Amino acid sequence: NCYRMRVDRASDSRFERTVLLGFLDRDER
């Protein structure tokens, strides 16, 4: 369950950063 991913977005709140991750090796069929 380990996936190579890219950070496509990042936004901050007071205590954490929310990151949007895209799958780089996803199966597109």
PDB file of all heavy atoms in Angstrom:
ATOM      1  N   ASN A   1       0.820  -1.227   0.000  1.00  0.00           N
ATOM      2  CA  ASN A   1       0.000   0.000   0.000  1.00  0.00           C
ATOM      3  C   ASN A   1       0.850   1.271   0.000  1.00  0.00           C
ATOM      4  O   ASN A   1       0.438   2.304   0.530  1.00  0.00           O
ATOM      5  CB  ASN A   1      -0.959   0.033   1.196  1.00  0.00           C
ATOM      6  CG  ASN A   1      -2.125  -0.929   1.038  1.00  0.00           C
ATOM      7  OD1 ASN A   1      -2.247  -1.595   0.017  1.00  0.00           O
ATOM      8  ND2 ASN A   1      -2.962  -1.009   2.055  1.00  0.00           N
ATOM      9  N   CYS A   2       2.044   1.196  -0.610  1.00  0.00           N
ATOM     10  CA  CYS A   2       2.898   2.376  -0.729  1.00  0.00           C
ATOM     11  C   CYS A   2       2.822   2.892  -2.164  1.00  0.00           C
ATOM     12  O   CYS A   2       3.000   2.126  -3.118  1.00  0.00           O
ATOM     13  CB  CYS A   2       4.345   2.041  -0.372  1.00  0.00           C
ATOM     14  SG  CYS A   2       4.544   1.549   1.355  1.00  0.00           S
ATOM     15  N   TYR A   3       2.567   4.179  -2.307  1.00  0.00           N
ATOM     16  CA  TYR A   3       2.316   4.756  -3.621  1.00  0.00           C
ATOM     17  C   TYR A   3       3.186   5.996  -3.819  1.00  0.00           C
ATOM     18  O   TYR A   3       3.341   6.813  -2.907  1.00  0.00           O
ATOM     19  CB  TYR A   3       0.834   5.127  -3.772  1.00  0.00           C
ATOM     20  CG  TYR A   3      -0.095   3.979  -3.438  1.00  0.00           C
ATOM     21  CD1 TYR A   3      -0.679   3.875  -2.171  1.00  0.00           C
ATOM     22  CD2 TYR A   3      -0.375   2.987  -4.375  1.00  0.00           C
ATOM     23  CE1 TYR A   3      -1.513   2.817  -1.849  1.00  0.00           C
ATOM     24  CE2 TYR A   3      -1.215   1.921  -4.057  1.00  0.00           C
ATOM     25  CZ  TYR A   3      -1.774   1.842  -2.798  1.00  0.00           C
ATOM     26  OH  TYR A   3      -2.599   0.792  -2.493  1.00  0.00           O
ATOM     27  N   ARG A   4       3.717   6.114  -5.054  1.00  0.00           N
ATOM     28  CA  ARG A   4       4.494   7.301  -5.416  1.00  0.00           C
ATOM     29  C   ARG A   4       3.512   8.409  -5.783  1.00  0.00           C
ATOM     30  O   ARG A   4       2.676   8.237  -6.660  1.00  0.00           O
ATOM     31  CB  ARG A   4       5.419   6.979  -6.592  1.00  0.00           C
ATOM     32  CG  ARG A   4       6.458   8.050  -6.891  1.00  0.00           C
ATOM     33  CD  ARG A   4       7.488   7.534  -7.891  1.00  0.00           C
ATOM     34  NE  ARG A   4       6.879   7.279  -9.189  1.00  0.00           N
ATOM     35  CZ  ARG A   4       6.876   8.151 -10.197  1.00  0.00           C
ATOM     36  NH1 ARG A   4       7.453   9.343 -10.054  1.00  0.00           N
ATOM     37  NH2 ARG A   4       6.312   7.824 -11.352  1.00  0.00           N
ATOM     38  N   MET A   5       3.624   9.532  -5.098  1.00  0.00           N
ATOM     39  CA  MET A   5       2.621  10.578  -5.236  1.00  0.00           C
ATOM     40  C   MET A   5       3.273  11.949  -5.386  1.00  0.00           C
ATOM     41  O   MET A   5       4.433  12.149  -5.021  1.00  0.00           O
ATOM     42  CB  MET A   5       1.665  10.562  -4.043  1.00  0.00           C
ATOM     43  CG  MET A   5       1.130   9.168  -3.698  1.00  0.00           C
ATOM     44  SD  MET A   5      -0.321   9.174  -2.648  1.00  0.00           S
ATOM     45  CE  MET A   5      -1.597   9.590  -3.829  1.00  0.00           C
ATOM     46  N   ARG A   6       2.474  12.882  -5.904  1.00  0.00           N
ATOM     47  CA  ARG A   6       2.937  14.257  -6.073  1.00  0.00           C
ATOM     48  C   ARG A   6       2.024  15.193  -5.280  1.00  0.00           C
ATOM     49  O   ARG A   6       0.804  15.032  -5.273  1.00  0.00           O
ATOM     50  CB  ARG A   6       2.899  14.639  -7.550  1.00  0.00           C
ATOM     51  CG  ARG A   6       3.382  16.079  -7.842  1.00  0.00           C
ATOM     52  CD  ARG A   6       3.212  16.436  -9.318  1.00  0.00           C
ATOM     53  NE  ARG A   6       1.816  16.348  -9.730  1.00  0.00           N
ATOM     54  CZ  ARG A   6       1.368  15.453 -10.627  1.00  0.00           C
ATOM     55  NH1 ARG A   6       2.195  14.591 -11.190  1.00  0.00           N
ATOM     56  NH2 ARG A   6       0.093  15.417 -10.950  1.00  0.00           N
ATOM     57  N   VAL A   7       2.634  16.165  -4.635  1.00  0.00           N
ATOM     58  CA  VAL A   7       1.860  17.170  -3.909  1.00  0.00           C
ATOM     59  C   VAL A   7       1.324  18.184  -4.916  1.00  0.00           C
ATOM     60  O   VAL A   7       2.091  18.947  -5.510  1.00  0.00           O
ATOM     61  CB  VAL A   7       2.723  17.879  -2.848  1.00  0.00           C
ATOM     62  CG1 VAL A   7       1.910  18.986  -2.164  1.00  0.00           C
ATOM     63  CG2 VAL A   7       3.234  16.877  -1.816  1.00  0.00           C
ATOM     64  N   ASP A   8       0.011  18.171  -5.123  1.00  0.00           N
ATOM     65  CA  ASP A   8      -0.599  19.082  -6.100  1.00  0.00           C
ATOM     66  C   ASP A   8      -1.161  20.345  -5.457  1.00  0.00           C
ATOM     67  O   ASP A   8      -1.297  21.370  -6.130  1.00  0.00           O
ATOM     68  CB  ASP A   8      -1.714  18.351  -6.865  1.00  0.00           C
ATOM     69  CG  ASP A   8      -1.144  17.367  -7.888  1.00  0.00           C
ATOM     70  OD1 ASP A   8       0.017  17.555  -8.302  1.00  0.00           O
ATOM     71  OD2 ASP A   8      -1.847  16.408  -8.256  1.00  0.00           O
ATOM     72  N   ARG A   9      -1.501  20.274  -4.177  1.00  0.00           N
ATOM     73  CA  ARG A   9      -1.990  21.456  -3.463  1.00  0.00           C
ATOM     74  C   ARG A   9      -1.577  21.352  -2.002  1.00  0.00           C
ATOM     75  O   ARG A   9      -1.389  20.238  -1.485  1.00  0.00           O
ATOM     76  CB  ARG A   9      -3.521  21.582  -3.534  1.00  0.00           C
ATOM     77  CG  ARG A   9      -4.088  21.912  -4.895  1.00  0.00           C
ATOM     78  CD  ARG A   9      -5.604  22.026  -4.821  1.00  0.00           C
ATOM     79  NE  ARG A   9      -6.197  22.215  -6.131  1.00  0.00           N
ATOM     80  CZ  ARG A   9      -7.510  22.209  -6.375  1.00  0.00           C
ATOM     81  NH1 ARG A   9      -8.363  22.042  -5.372  1.00  0.00           N
ATOM     82  NH2 ARG A   9      -7.961  22.383  -7.597  1.00  0.00           N
ATOM     83  N   ALA A  10      -1.482  22.480  -1.352  1.00  0.00           N
ATOM     84  CA  ALA A  10      -1.200  22.500   0.086  1.00  0.00           C
ATOM     85  C   ALA A  10      -1.835  23.746   0.688  1.00  0.00           C
ATOM     86  O   ALA A  10      -1.766  24.830   0.113  1.00  0.00           O
ATOM     87  CB  ALA A  10       0.303  22.501   0.345  1.00  0.00           C
ATOM     88  N   SER A  11      -2.489  23.574   1.818  1.00  0.00           N
ATOM     89  CA  SER A  11      -3.107  24.707   2.518  1.00  0.00           C
ATOM     90  C   SER A  11      -2.920  24.525   4.014  1.00  0.00           C
ATOM     91  O   SER A  11      -2.895  23.400   4.522  1.00  0.00           O
ATOM     92  CB  SER A  11      -4.599  24.808   2.178  1.00  0.00           C
ATOM     93  OG  SER A  11      -5.286  23.621   2.545  1.00  0.00           O
ATOM     94  N   ASP A  12      -2.778  25.644   4.707  1.00  0.00           N
ATOM     95  CA  ASP A  12      -2.465  25.611   6.132  1.00  0.00           C
ATOM     96  C   ASP A  12      -3.632  26.073   6.989  1.00  0.00           C
ATOM     97  O   ASP A  12      -4.342  27.018   6.644  1.00  0.00           O
ATOM     98  CB  ASP A  12      -1.259  26.500   6.433  1.00  0.00           C
ATOM     99  CG  ASP A  12       0.035  25.928   5.903  1.00  0.00           C
ATOM    100  OD1 ASP A  12       0.095  24.700   5.713  1.00  0.00           O
ATOM    101  OD2 ASP A  12       0.981  26.704   5.667  1.00  0.00           O
ATOM    102  N   SER A  13      -3.810  25.406   8.123  1.00  0.00           N
ATOM    103  CA  SER A  13      -4.661  25.887   9.206  1.00  0.00           C
ATOM    104  C   SER A  13      -3.745  26.170  10.388  1.00  0.00           C
ATOM    105  O   SER A  13      -2.519  26.166  10.248  1.00  0.00           O
ATOM    106  CB  SER A  13      -5.725  24.850   9.559  1.00  0.00           C
ATOM    107  OG  SER A  13      -5.122  23.646  10.005  1.00  0.00           O
ATOM    108  N   ARG A  14      -4.310  26.400  11.546  1.00  0.00           N
ATOM    109  CA  ARG A  14      -3.471  26.769  12.689  1.00  0.00           C
ATOM    110  C   ARG A  14      -2.470  25.687  13.067  1.00  0.00           C
ATOM    111  O   ARG A  14      -1.314  25.987  13.381  1.00  0.00           O
ATOM    112  CB  ARG A  14      -4.348  27.080  13.900  1.00  0.00           C
ATOM    113  CG  ARG A  14      -5.146  28.372  13.796  1.00  0.00           C
ATOM    114  CD  ARG A  14      -6.093  28.504  14.971  1.00  0.00           C
ATOM    115  NE  ARG A  14      -7.083  27.425  14.990  1.00  0.00           N
ATOM    116  CZ  ARG A  14      -7.880  27.176  16.022  1.00  0.00           C
ATOM    117  NH1 ARG A  14      -7.800  27.905  17.123  1.00  0.00           N
ATOM    118  NH2 ARG A  14      -8.767  26.199  15.960  1.00  0.00           N
ATOM    119  N   PHE A  15      -2.908  24.434  13.033  1.00  0.00           N
ATOM    120  CA  PHE A  15      -2.080  23.369  13.600  1.00  0.00           C
ATOM    121  C   PHE A  15      -1.672  22.284  12.607  1.00  0.00           C
ATOM    122  O   PHE A  15      -0.990  21.338  12.994  1.00  0.00           O
ATOM    123  CB  PHE A  15      -2.818  22.720  14.776  1.00  0.00           C
ATOM    124  CG  PHE A  15      -3.261  23.703  15.821  1.00  0.00           C
ATOM    125  CD1 PHE A  15      -4.608  23.912  16.079  1.00  0.00           C
ATOM    126  CD2 PHE A  15      -2.326  24.430  16.543  1.00  0.00           C
ATOM    127  CE1 PHE A  15      -5.017  24.829  17.034  1.00  0.00           C
ATOM    128  CE2 PHE A  15      -2.724  25.343  17.507  1.00  0.00           C
ATOM    129  CZ  PHE A  15      -4.080  25.546  17.754  1.00  0.00           C
ATOM    130  N   GLU A  16      -2.079  22.387  11.340  1.00  0.00           N
ATOM    131  CA  GLU A  16      -1.741  21.337  10.402  1.00  0.00           C
ATOM    132  C   GLU A  16      -1.735  21.866   8.973  1.00  0.00           C
ATOM    133  O   GLU A  16      -2.291  22.936   8.689  1.00  0.00           O
ATOM    134  CB  GLU A  16      -2.723  20.161  10.513  1.00  0.00           C
ATOM    135  CG  GLU A  16      -4.144  20.526  10.144  1.00  0.00           C
ATOM    136  CD  GLU A  16      -5.127  19.392  10.390  1.00  0.00           C
ATOM    137  OE1 GLU A  16      -4.764  18.400  11.051  1.00  0.00           O
ATOM    138  OE2 GLU A  16      -6.271  19.503   9.914  1.00  0.00           O
ATOM    139  N   ARG A  17      -1.104  21.113   8.106  1.00  0.00           N
ATOM    140  CA  ARG A  17      -1.126  21.404   6.676  1.00  0.00           C
ATOM    141  C   ARG A  17      -1.929  20.292   5.991  1.00  0.00           C
ATOM    142  O   ARG A  17      -1.685  19.105   6.224  1.00  0.00           O
ATOM    143  CB  ARG A  17       0.289  21.460   6.099  1.00  0.00           C
ATOM    144  CG  ARG A  17       0.335  21.613   4.571  1.00  0.00           C
ATOM    145  CD  ARG A  17       1.714  22.002   4.082  1.00  0.00           C
ATOM    146  NE  ARG A  17       2.056  23.353   4.545  1.00  0.00           N
ATOM    147  CZ  ARG A  17       3.186  23.982   4.245  1.00  0.00           C
ATOM    148  NH1 ARG A  17       4.096  23.388   3.480  1.00  0.00           N
ATOM    149  NH2 ARG A  17       3.413  25.201   4.700  1.00  0.00           N
ATOM    150  N   THR A  18      -2.883  20.686   5.152  1.00  0.00           N
ATOM    151  CA  THR A  18      -3.657  19.724   4.369  1.00  0.00           C
ATOM    152  C   THR A  18      -3.074  19.674   2.967  1.00  0.00           C
ATOM    153  O   THR A  18      -2.940  20.696   2.295  1.00  0.00           O
ATOM    154  CB  THR A  18      -5.144  20.126   4.310  1.00  0.00           C
ATOM    155  OG1 THR A  18      -5.667  20.149   5.644  1.00  0.00           O
ATOM    156  CG2 THR A  18      -5.933  19.134   3.477  1.00  0.00           C
ATOM    157  N   VAL A  19      -2.725  18.470   2.548  1.00  0.00           N
ATOM    158  CA  VAL A  19      -2.032  18.269   1.282  1.00  0.00           C
ATOM    159  C   VAL A  19      -2.901  17.415   0.364  1.00  0.00           C
ATOM    160  O   VAL A  19      -3.486  16.425   0.788  1.00  0.00           O
ATOM    161  CB  VAL A  19      -0.675  17.571   1.520  1.00  0.00           C
ATOM    162  CG1 VAL A  19       0.017  17.265   0.196  1.00  0.00           C
ATOM    163  CG2 VAL A  19       0.221  18.432   2.406  1.00  0.00           C
ATOM    164  N   LEU A  20      -2.973  17.810  -0.909  1.00  0.00           N
ATOM    165  CA  LEU A  20      -3.687  17.048  -1.929  1.00  0.00           C
ATOM    166  C   LEU A  20      -2.660  16.265  -2.733  1.00  0.00           C
ATOM    167  O   LEU A  20      -1.756  16.846  -3.356  1.00  0.00           O
ATOM    168  CB  LEU A  20      -4.475  17.989  -2.829  1.00  0.00           C
ATOM    169  CG  LEU A  20      -5.517  17.354  -3.750  1.00  0.00           C
ATOM    170  CD1 LEU A  20      -6.643  16.724  -2.928  1.00  0.00           C
ATOM    171  CD2 LEU A  20      -6.084  18.389  -4.715  1.00  0.00           C
ATOM    172  N   LEU A  21      -2.788  14.939  -2.710  1.00  0.00           N
ATOM    173  CA  LEU A  21      -1.805  14.049  -3.314  1.00  0.00           C
ATOM    174  C   LEU A  21      -2.352  13.373  -4.566  1.00  0.00           C
ATOM    175  O   LEU A  21      -3.438  12.769  -4.529  1.00  0.00           O
ATOM    176  CB  LEU A  21      -1.387  12.972  -2.314  1.00  0.00           C
ATOM    177  CG  LEU A  21      -0.707  13.448  -1.024  1.00  0.00           C
ATOM    178  CD1 LEU A  21      -0.641  12.303  -0.022  1.00  0.00           C
ATOM    179  CD2 LEU A  21       0.690  13.991  -1.311  1.00  0.00           C
ATOM    180  N   GLY A  22      -1.599  13.440  -5.649  1.00  0.00           N
ATOM    181  CA  GLY A  22      -1.972  12.761  -6.883  1.00  0.00           C
ATOM    182  C   GLY A  22      -1.146  11.499  -7.084  1.00  0.00           C
ATOM    183  O   GLY A  22       0.068  11.485  -6.839  1.00  0.00           O
ATOM    184  N   PHE A  23      -1.801  10.411  -7.535  1.00  0.00           N
ATOM    185  CA  PHE A  23      -1.106   9.146  -7.787  1.00  0.00           C
ATOM    186  C   PHE A  23      -0.298   9.262  -9.095  1.00  0.00           C
ATOM    187  O   PHE A  23      -0.868   9.474 -10.168  1.00  0.00           O
ATOM    188  CB  PHE A  23      -2.111   8.001  -7.912  1.00  0.00           C
ATOM    189  CG  PHE A  23      -2.817   7.650  -6.631  1.00  0.00           C
ATOM    190  CD1 PHE A  23      -3.995   8.288  -6.265  1.00  0.00           C
ATOM    191  CD2 PHE A  23      -2.296   6.671  -5.789  1.00  0.00           C
ATOM    192  CE1 PHE A  23      -4.649   7.957  -5.090  1.00  0.00           C
ATOM    193  CE2 PHE A  23      -2.950   6.334  -4.603  1.00  0.00           C
ATOM    194  CZ  PHE A  23      -4.130   6.983  -4.250  1.00  0.00           C
ATOM    195  N   LEU A  24       1.013   9.085  -9.012  1.00  0.00           N
ATOM    196  CA  LEU A  24       1.862   9.226 -10.197  1.00  0.00           C
ATOM    197  C   LEU A  24       1.859   7.974 -11.070  1.00  0.00           C
ATOM    198  O   LEU A  24       2.139   8.060 -12.272  1.00  0.00           O
ATOM    199  CB  LEU A  24       3.288   9.558  -9.768  1.00  0.00           C
ATOM    200  CG  LEU A  24       3.489  10.973  -9.215  1.00  0.00           C
ATOM    201  CD1 LEU A  24       4.913  11.155  -8.710  1.00  0.00           C
ATOM    202  CD2 LEU A  24       3.156  12.024 -10.262  1.00  0.00           C
ATOM    203  N   ASP A  25       1.558   6.818 -10.499  1.00  0.00           N
ATOM    204  CA  ASP A  25       1.617   5.560 -11.253  1.00  0.00           C
ATOM    205  C   ASP A  25       0.242   4.902 -11.347  1.00  0.00           C
ATOM    206  O   ASP A  25       0.144   3.674 -11.418  1.00  0.00           O
ATOM    207  CB  ASP A  25       2.628   4.603 -10.598  1.00  0.00           C
ATOM    208  CG  ASP A  25       4.003   5.214 -10.469  1.00  0.00           C
ATOM    209  OD1 ASP A  25       4.501   5.734 -11.483  1.00  0.00           O
ATOM    210  OD2 ASP A  25       4.579   5.178  -9.356  1.00  0.00           O
ATOM    211  N   ARG A  26      -0.806   5.697 -11.349  1.00  0.00           N
ATOM    212  CA  ARG A  26      -2.159   5.142 -11.358  1.00  0.00           C
ATOM    213  C   ARG A  26      -2.462   4.454 -12.683  1.00  0.00           C
ATOM    214  O   ARG A  26      -1.981   4.837 -13.758  1.00  0.00           O
ATOM    215  CB  ARG A  26      -3.201   6.231 -11.067  1.00  0.00           C
ATOM    216  CG  ARG A  26      -3.317   7.324 -12.121  1.00  0.00           C
ATOM    217  CD  ARG A  26      -4.342   8.391 -11.702  1.00  0.00           C
ATOM    218  NE  ARG A  26      -5.652   7.838 -11.418  1.00  0.00           N
ATOM    219  CZ  ARG A  26      -6.578   7.600 -12.341  1.00  0.00           C
ATOM    220  NH1 ARG A  26      -6.321   7.845 -13.622  1.00  0.00           N
ATOM    221  NH2 ARG A  26      -7.741   7.103 -12.018  1.00  0.00           N
ATOM    222  N   ASP A  27      -3.295   3.407 -12.607  1.00  0.00           N
ATOM    223  CA  ASP A  27      -3.736   2.655 -13.777  1.00  0.00           C
ATOM    224  C   ASP A  27      -4.911   3.414 -14.399  1.00  0.00           C
ATOM    225  O   ASP A  27      -5.958   3.576 -13.774  1.00  0.00           O
ATOM    226  CB  ASP A  27      -4.161   1.253 -13.347  1.00  0.00           C
ATOM    227  CG  ASP A  27      -4.480   0.339 -14.517  1.00  0.00           C
ATOM    228  OD1 ASP A  27      -4.887   0.852 -15.577  1.00  0.00           O
ATOM    229  OD2 ASP A  27      -4.334  -0.885 -14.372  1.00  0.00           O
ATOM    230  N   GLU A  28      -4.768   3.869 -15.636  1.00  0.00           N
ATOM    231  CA  GLU A  28      -5.780   4.712 -16.275  1.00  0.00           C
ATOM    232  C   GLU A  28      -6.733   3.943 -17.176  1.00  0.00           C
ATOM    233  O   GLU A  28      -7.552   4.550 -17.868  1.00  0.00           O
ATOM    234  CB  GLU A  28      -5.102   5.805 -17.105  1.00  0.00           C
ATOM    235  CG  GLU A  28      -4.213   6.726 -16.305  1.00  0.00           C
ATOM    236  CD  GLU A  28      -3.736   7.905 -17.133  1.00  0.00           C
ATOM    237  OE1 GLU A  28      -4.602   8.648 -17.654  1.00  0.00           O
ATOM    238  OE2 GLU A  28      -2.512   8.082 -17.265  1.00  0.00           O
ATOM    239  N   ARG A  29      -6.660   2.619 -17.185  1.00  0.00           N
ATOM    240  CA  ARG A  29      -7.470   1.871 -18.141  1.00  0.00           C
ATOM    241  C   ARG A  29      -8.971   2.054 -17.934  1.00  0.00           C
ATOM    242  O   ARG A  29      -9.729   2.118 -18.901  1.00  0.00           O
ATOM    243  CB  ARG A  29      -7.107   0.383 -18.073  1.00  0.00           C
ATOM    244  CG  ARG A  29      -5.759   0.054 -18.726  1.00  0.00           C
ATOM    245  CD  ARG A  29      -5.378  -1.390 -18.519  1.00  0.00           C
ATOM    246  NE  ARG A  29      -5.111  -1.689 -17.119  1.00  0.00           N
ATOM    247  CZ  ARG A  29      -4.780  -2.907 -16.681  1.00  0.00           C
ATOM    248  NH1 ARG A  29      -4.706  -3.921 -17.516  1.00  0.00           N
ATOM    249  NH2 ARG A  29      -4.533  -3.099 -15.396  1.00  0.00           N
TER     250      ARG A  29
END
